[in-house]
């Protein structure tokens, strides 16, 4: 091999080595090499609970036992449901429990669904947490939330549909929006999530929590949350999954809130049949 060919070959090999080094340098790190940011060391806590006892607003009845409800959609398949008298007492007692445990002032988010009964259940908690309501006494709500009740401190997820809007009549419709919202909570958040009996266990399952234990996760005959007096405290820790930082959940405790309240209505058929007044999911 002459000198010219030798020099050309050596140069080509050297350039190839430099190119290989350059490619190696820009190759992204494997997912396992990624770590959550420093602020993620502070775990997120979520307090999951079901809304309190509720009933559609009764407008009137007649001797034929025909009842009329208020705020229903055109075909009567969905009516706005508010807390009944027992539900209002339960909601107030729940807020007092949070306050007595010193939790309210640690809260960063109070979350409900688009259904009135969930917002009513946690409105006092949001107020005690200083997140909303008329905090300065000027008659105007002071929270930063912009949704069904702007300024009350309760974040409706989803925020825009009304309770009986098409596509949103079932409580199960809130499942994915609430999963997505929780997934994007800032690291270190402290949140109350008030949702529905068909939704709460899937919410926790979405973060890797096994809800099969009948003691910690009491269920009715359809596998949904049983009763109105359960509270689940869940720790969410950031983990790396396929190169993306996300949350992994762990049940810290299940609290059975025995407030000594009287028995409540659990079968909300109201004599109208499935899907009317009670809707078909009794949530």
Protein backbone atom coordinates (compact mmCIF):
# COMPACT_ATOMS: atom_id res chain seq x y z
CA UNK A 1 0.00 0.00 0.00
CA UNK A 2 1.43 3.36 -0.98
CA UNK A 3 1.70 6.27 1.43
CA UNK A 4 -1.23 8.17 -0.13
CA UNK A 5 -3.63 5.23 0.25
CA UNK A 6 -2.40 4.61 3.81
CA UNK A 7 -3.04 8.22 4.82
CA UNK A 8 -6.52 8.18 3.22
CA UNK A 9 -7.46 4.97 5.01
CA UNK A 10 -6.21 6.25 8.37
CA UNK A 11 -8.14 9.49 7.93
CA UNK A 12 -11.34 7.59 7.07
CA UNK A 13 -11.01 5.38 10.13
CA UNK A 14 -10.38 8.38 12.37
CA UNK A 15 -13.46 10.21 11.01
CA UNK A 16 -15.58 7.11 11.50
CA UNK A 17 -14.45 6.91 15.13
CA UNK A 18 -15.27 10.57 15.73
CA UNK A 19 -18.73 10.07 14.20
CA UNK A 20 -19.38 7.04 16.41
CA UNK A 21 -18.34 9.00 19.49
CA UNK A 22 -20.61 11.89 18.48
CA UNK A 23 -23.59 9.60 17.97
CA UNK A 24 -22.96 7.98 21.35
CA UNK A 25 -22.82 11.38 23.01
CA UNK A 26 -26.23 12.50 21.71
CA UNK A 27 -27.97 9.18 22.39
CA UNK A 28 -30.65 9.78 25.05
CA UNK A 29 -30.17 8.09 28.42
CA UNK A 30 -32.17 4.94 29.06
CA UNK A 31 -35.42 5.43 31.01
CA UNK A 32 -33.94 3.81 34.11
CA UNK A 33 -31.27 6.53 34.20
CA UNK A 34 -33.89 9.26 34.55
CA UNK A 35 -34.85 10.44 38.02
CA UNK A 36 -37.73 12.60 39.24
CA UNK A 37 -36.87 16.25 39.94
CA UNK A 38 -35.77 17.18 43.49
CA UNK A 39 -39.16 18.65 44.40
CA UNK A 40 -40.67 15.23 43.76
CA UNK A 41 -39.09 13.94 46.98
CA UNK A 42 -42.07 15.44 48.81
CA UNK A 43 -44.93 12.96 48.18
CA UNK A 44 -48.40 14.06 47.16
CA UNK A 45 -51.29 13.14 49.48
CA UNK A 46 -54.84 12.67 48.25
CA UNK A 47 -57.90 12.27 50.47
CA UNK A 48 -60.54 10.37 48.49
CA UNK A 49 -64.16 10.44 49.60
CA UNK A 50 -67.64 9.99 48.21
CA UNK A 51 -70.20 12.77 48.19
CA UNK A 52 -72.65 12.90 51.10
CA UNK A 53 -76.29 11.79 51.07
CA UNK A 54 -78.33 13.36 48.29
CA UNK A 55 -81.73 13.49 46.62
CA UNK A 56 -83.26 15.25 43.60
CA UNK A 57 -85.17 18.41 44.46
CA UNK A 58 -88.85 17.51 44.77
CA UNK A 59 -91.21 20.04 43.19
CA UNK A 60 -94.52 18.37 44.01
CA UNK A 61 -96.67 15.26 44.15
CA UNK A 62 -100.34 14.38 43.79
CA UNK A 63 -102.70 11.73 45.18
CA UNK A 64 -101.81 9.35 42.34
CA UNK A 65 -98.27 9.23 43.79
CA UNK A 66 -96.86 10.97 40.75
CA UNK A 67 -93.83 13.01 41.76
CA UNK A 68 -92.21 15.90 39.94
CA UNK A 69 -88.55 16.81 40.24
CA UNK A 70 -86.82 20.08 39.49
CA UNK A 71 -83.85 20.74 37.17
CA UNK A 72 -84.22 17.65 34.97
CA UNK A 73 -83.26 17.16 31.35
CA UNK A 74 -85.88 16.88 28.61
CA UNK A 75 -86.47 13.13 28.83
CA UNK A 76 -86.29 13.03 32.62
CA UNK A 77 -83.36 10.62 32.61
CA UNK A 78 -81.25 12.96 34.75
CA UNK A 79 -82.12 15.43 37.49
CA UNK A 80 -79.76 17.67 39.42
CA UNK A 81 -79.23 16.12 42.85
CA UNK A 82 -78.39 18.20 45.89
CA UNK A 83 -77.50 17.12 49.41
CA UNK A 84 -80.47 16.26 51.56
CA UNK A 85 -80.72 17.30 55.22
CA UNK A 86 -78.60 14.39 56.40
CA UNK A 87 -76.08 15.00 53.65
CA UNK A 88 -75.65 18.62 54.71
CA UNK A 89 -74.99 17.53 58.28
CA UNK A 90 -72.53 14.90 57.06
CA UNK A 91 -70.68 17.44 54.89
CA UNK A 92 -70.39 19.93 57.75
CA UNK A 93 -69.19 17.19 60.10
CA UNK A 94 -66.63 16.02 57.53
CA UNK A 95 -65.22 19.54 57.27
CA UNK A 96 -65.02 19.78 61.06
CA UNK A 97 -63.18 16.46 61.12
CA UNK A 98 -60.58 17.76 58.64
CA UNK A 99 -60.21 20.93 60.67
CA UNK A 100 -59.91 19.04 63.96
CA UNK A 101 -57.14 16.86 62.51
CA UNK A 102 -55.21 19.96 61.38
CA UNK A 103 -55.49 18.95 57.73
CA UNK A 104 -57.43 21.83 56.21
CA UNK A 105 -54.62 24.41 56.28
CA UNK A 106 -52.29 21.97 54.55
CA UNK A 107 -54.61 21.52 51.56
CA UNK A 108 -53.63 22.87 48.16
CA UNK A 109 -56.57 21.50 46.13
CA UNK A 110 -60.21 20.61 46.83
CA UNK A 111 -61.64 18.74 43.86
CA UNK A 112 -65.20 17.74 43.02
CA UNK A 113 -66.95 16.50 39.90
CA UNK A 114 -69.37 18.53 37.77
CA UNK A 115 -72.28 17.26 39.85
CA UNK A 116 -73.68 19.58 42.49
CA UNK A 117 -73.70 17.09 45.36
CA UNK A 118 -69.90 16.62 45.22
CA UNK A 119 -69.26 20.36 45.33
CA UNK A 120 -71.65 20.81 48.23
CA UNK A 121 -69.91 18.02 50.15
CA UNK A 122 -66.51 19.72 50.16
CA UNK A 123 -67.35 23.45 49.91
CA UNK A 124 -66.85 24.00 53.65
CA UNK A 125 -63.51 22.18 53.52
CA UNK A 126 -62.32 24.55 50.78
CA UNK A 127 -63.45 27.52 52.82
CA UNK A 128 -61.70 26.34 55.99
CA UNK A 129 -58.59 25.66 53.91
CA UNK A 130 -58.57 29.29 52.78
CA UNK A 131 -58.91 28.25 49.15
CA UNK A 132 -62.19 30.02 48.44
CA UNK A 133 -65.49 31.37 49.61
CA UNK A 134 -66.02 34.87 50.99
CA UNK A 135 -62.77 35.04 52.93
CA UNK A 136 -62.68 38.81 53.46
CA UNK A 137 -66.36 39.40 54.14
CA UNK A 138 -67.07 41.59 51.11
CA UNK A 139 -69.77 39.29 49.76
CA UNK A 140 -67.67 38.05 46.82
CA UNK A 141 -66.02 34.60 46.66
CA UNK A 142 -62.25 34.93 46.77
CA UNK A 143 -61.01 31.63 45.30
CA UNK A 144 -59.09 31.41 42.04
CA UNK A 145 -61.20 28.61 40.54
CA UNK A 146 -63.17 29.47 37.42
CA UNK A 147 -65.87 26.85 36.93
CA UNK A 148 -69.44 26.15 38.02
CA UNK A 149 -69.18 28.24 41.18
CA UNK A 150 -66.29 30.65 40.58
CA UNK A 151 -64.30 31.56 43.66
CA UNK A 152 -65.70 28.93 46.02
CA UNK A 153 -62.34 27.16 46.15
CA UNK A 154 -63.71 23.87 44.85
CA UNK A 155 -62.23 22.79 41.52
CA UNK A 156 -64.84 21.07 39.35
CA UNK A 157 -63.30 18.29 37.25
CA UNK A 158 -64.62 18.37 34.59
CA UNK A 159 -65.28 22.08 34.86
CA UNK A 160 -67.62 22.99 32.03
CA UNK A 161 -70.50 20.51 31.51
CA UNK A 162 -73.65 20.87 33.56
CA UNK A 163 -74.83 17.87 35.55
CA UNK A 164 -77.33 16.69 32.96
CA UNK A 165 -75.64 17.80 29.74
CA UNK A 166 -75.62 15.14 26.98
CA UNK A 167 -72.73 12.76 27.47
CA UNK A 168 -72.27 13.75 31.11
CA UNK A 169 -75.42 12.45 32.82
CA UNK A 170 -73.66 9.40 34.27
CA UNK A 171 -71.26 9.93 37.12
CA UNK A 172 -68.89 7.47 35.45
CA UNK A 173 -68.24 10.10 32.78
CA UNK A 174 -65.91 11.94 35.20
CA UNK A 175 -63.52 9.02 35.60
CA UNK A 176 -60.92 9.86 32.95
CA UNK A 177 -60.95 13.65 33.46
CA UNK A 178 -60.31 13.14 37.17
CA UNK A 179 -57.54 10.59 36.57
CA UNK A 180 -55.86 13.03 34.20
CA UNK A 181 -56.19 15.92 36.66
CA UNK A 182 -54.73 13.94 39.57
CA UNK A 183 -51.91 12.70 37.35
CA UNK A 184 -50.91 16.33 36.74
CA UNK A 185 -51.06 17.54 40.34
CA UNK A 186 -47.85 19.38 41.29
CA UNK A 187 -45.45 17.30 43.38
CA UNK A 188 -46.11 17.75 47.08
CA UNK A 189 -49.79 18.66 46.65
CA UNK A 190 -52.38 17.96 49.34
CA UNK A 191 -55.75 17.34 47.72
CA UNK A 192 -59.26 16.29 48.65
CA UNK A 193 -61.06 14.46 45.84
CA UNK A 194 -64.82 14.07 46.21
CA UNK A 195 -66.31 11.76 43.60
CA UNK A 196 -68.87 9.01 43.04
CA UNK A 197 -69.36 5.37 43.98
CA UNK A 198 -68.61 3.96 40.48
CA UNK A 199 -65.57 6.22 40.09
CA UNK A 200 -63.55 6.20 43.32
CA UNK A 201 -62.07 2.70 43.09
CA UNK A 202 -61.10 3.08 39.40
CA UNK A 203 -59.41 6.38 40.34
CA UNK A 204 -57.23 4.63 42.88
CA UNK A 205 -56.64 1.63 40.61
CA UNK A 206 -55.32 4.01 37.93
CA UNK A 207 -52.39 4.71 40.27
CA UNK A 208 -51.62 1.09 41.00
CA UNK A 209 -53.67 0.58 44.17
CA UNK A 210 -55.23 -2.85 44.70
CA UNK A 211 -58.83 -2.31 45.84
CA UNK A 212 -59.74 -5.97 46.32
CA UNK A 213 -59.63 -5.92 50.15
CA UNK A 214 -63.30 -5.77 51.27
CA UNK A 215 -62.37 -4.21 54.61
CA UNK A 216 -60.38 -1.26 53.29
CA UNK A 217 -62.55 -0.98 50.19
CA UNK A 218 -66.16 -1.82 51.13
CA UNK A 219 -68.34 -2.57 48.12
CA UNK A 220 -71.98 -2.97 47.25
CA UNK A 221 -73.30 -5.85 45.14
CA UNK A 222 -71.98 -4.19 41.97
CA UNK A 223 -68.46 -3.61 43.27
CA UNK A 224 -68.92 0.11 43.86
CA UNK A 225 -68.28 2.11 47.02
CA UNK A 226 -70.71 1.18 49.76
CA UNK A 227 -71.95 3.91 52.11
CA UNK A 228 -71.14 7.59 52.54
CA UNK A 229 -68.68 7.43 55.43
CA UNK A 230 -65.39 6.24 53.91
CA UNK A 231 -62.18 8.23 53.53
CA UNK A 232 -59.03 6.91 51.89
CA UNK A 233 -55.68 8.61 52.41
CA UNK A 234 -53.41 7.83 49.47
CA UNK A 235 -49.75 8.72 49.03
CA UNK A 236 -48.65 9.38 45.45
CA UNK A 237 -44.93 9.11 44.77
CA UNK A 238 -43.31 10.05 41.47
CA UNK A 239 -41.83 7.18 39.49
CA UNK A 240 -40.35 6.91 36.01
CA UNK A 241 -42.44 4.88 33.60
CA UNK A 242 -41.21 4.54 29.99
CA UNK A 243 -39.13 7.66 30.37
CA UNK A 244 -42.00 9.72 31.81
CA UNK A 245 -42.31 10.82 35.43
CA UNK A 246 -45.72 9.81 36.75
CA UNK A 247 -47.39 8.91 40.04
CA UNK A 248 -47.53 5.55 41.83
CA UNK A 249 -50.05 5.25 44.66
CA UNK A 250 -50.01 3.61 48.06
CA UNK A 251 -52.92 3.39 50.49
CA UNK A 252 -51.80 4.92 53.76
CA UNK A 253 -55.03 4.42 55.68
CA UNK A 254 -58.75 3.85 55.31
CA UNK A 255 -60.87 5.80 57.77
CA UNK A 256 -64.44 4.81 58.56
CA UNK A 257 -65.99 8.11 59.60
CA UNK A 258 -68.48 7.13 62.28
CA UNK A 259 -70.15 10.45 62.97
CA UNK A 260 -73.11 8.85 64.75
CA UNK A 261 -75.53 10.02 62.09
CA UNK A 262 -78.85 8.33 61.46
CA UNK A 263 -79.34 5.81 58.66
CA UNK A 264 -79.50 7.27 55.19
CA UNK A 265 -81.28 6.56 51.94
CA UNK A 266 -79.19 4.06 50.02
CA UNK A 267 -81.72 2.94 47.42
CA UNK A 268 -82.56 6.09 45.51
CA UNK A 269 -85.13 4.79 43.05
CA UNK A 270 -87.90 7.16 44.29
CA UNK A 271 -90.52 4.99 42.62
CA UNK A 272 -89.57 6.19 39.16
CA UNK A 273 -87.60 3.19 38.01
CA UNK A 274 -84.05 2.89 36.80
CA UNK A 275 -82.57 5.94 35.18
CA UNK A 276 -85.12 8.48 36.42
CA UNK A 277 -84.39 10.58 39.47
CA UNK A 278 -81.90 8.03 40.76
CA UNK A 279 -80.45 7.50 37.25
CA UNK A 280 -79.22 4.06 36.35
CA UNK A 281 -76.01 4.21 38.36
CA UNK A 282 -77.12 5.36 41.82
CA UNK A 283 -73.84 7.06 42.47
